[in-house]
């Protein structure tokens, strides 16, 4: 169950609710940064209670959106809903015509640099093709803007490091759109692991399947796998010690469209990630097996369940979380909060750089 509200008189508030079935749960206030655990427990309540979280801060329509393609339109609607959008830049004439006809209150430019030169713009949201991220983000940082960029931050660790260093040099917020880090289920999983609810963690498996647009530069690991690798690094809190990759060209000849990635972490924890554009059925699943049980998160169905063996040897499955609190909205509101509070986001440039480095290591391991 989800409840969402916005108030747009230069401040925004939201709340979301989800059920935690047959589990003790807590009222929480989300603070999405690496120094505070996402779940800050304020009050224990009885089972079957709804979690309610609120966040309020000011906005002044000071964000510019660069890129209004398929995903850019999702960002457009969310930024407008929270009253944060000043203008949009897109090099495509048909998209600009659509914007002019449907969003007449927005400034619309063909050259994003015109928005960077505008003093009314304080922050930039980048949703251009991945191959352009480095150039657009670099220009925005040099113009003194805070930046949210869709993943990946860049297509090489060298470019990513330069962007991170620029943001640090000019004291700018640099946030990368690793959307899964703003799924409450992911933070609940980390909490359950820390509480020992499934015993000692032994294995982690991730699947992300589904057809996608034809790519000419970045492969399926860059496009889909970066989501899951960001989650792995967040849940395990450390880099892997061993990396092995197997990639295939199945339907596309320029970029890999089916990749298996095998990682091993300190303590013997093994992980397997399979990302593919080849399989027709959409699948988004994360499972974590411990010595005392298994957690399974189905991103499509939006359920988090725990599985344990009964005394008779049967598998008992219990759904412990339902709900979908619009992670894209939470992600953008986190960006606005970080811009206002001058605090690093959970998915900051440094953590995004770790994902890029891991992908590069994986690609090199297969080439070897």
Foldseek 3Di string as FASTA:
>chain_A
DFDFDFDAPQKTKTKTKWAFAPDWDAAAEAQFAPVDQRGDGDDIDDHRDIHIYMDMDGADQQEEEEDCPDVNVVVVVLCVRNPHHAAYEDLDPVVQVVCCVPPVNHHYYPDCVVSLPDPSHAAYEYDDPQQCLLVVLVSNLVSNHAYEYEPDNHQALVSLVVSQVSCVVSLHAFFYCLLVSLWVVLSVVLVCVVVCVQHDWAEKEWEFEAADDDDQPEEQCRVPVLSVVLSVCVSVVDDFPDKEKDFDDDPDDRHTFWMWIWTAHPPNYIYIYIYGNPDHDGFTKMKIHHPAWMWIATPVQGWIWIWGADPVRDIDIDTGIHDGHPSVSVVVVSSVVCRVVSDHGNRGSVSSSSSSVSVVVHVVNNVD
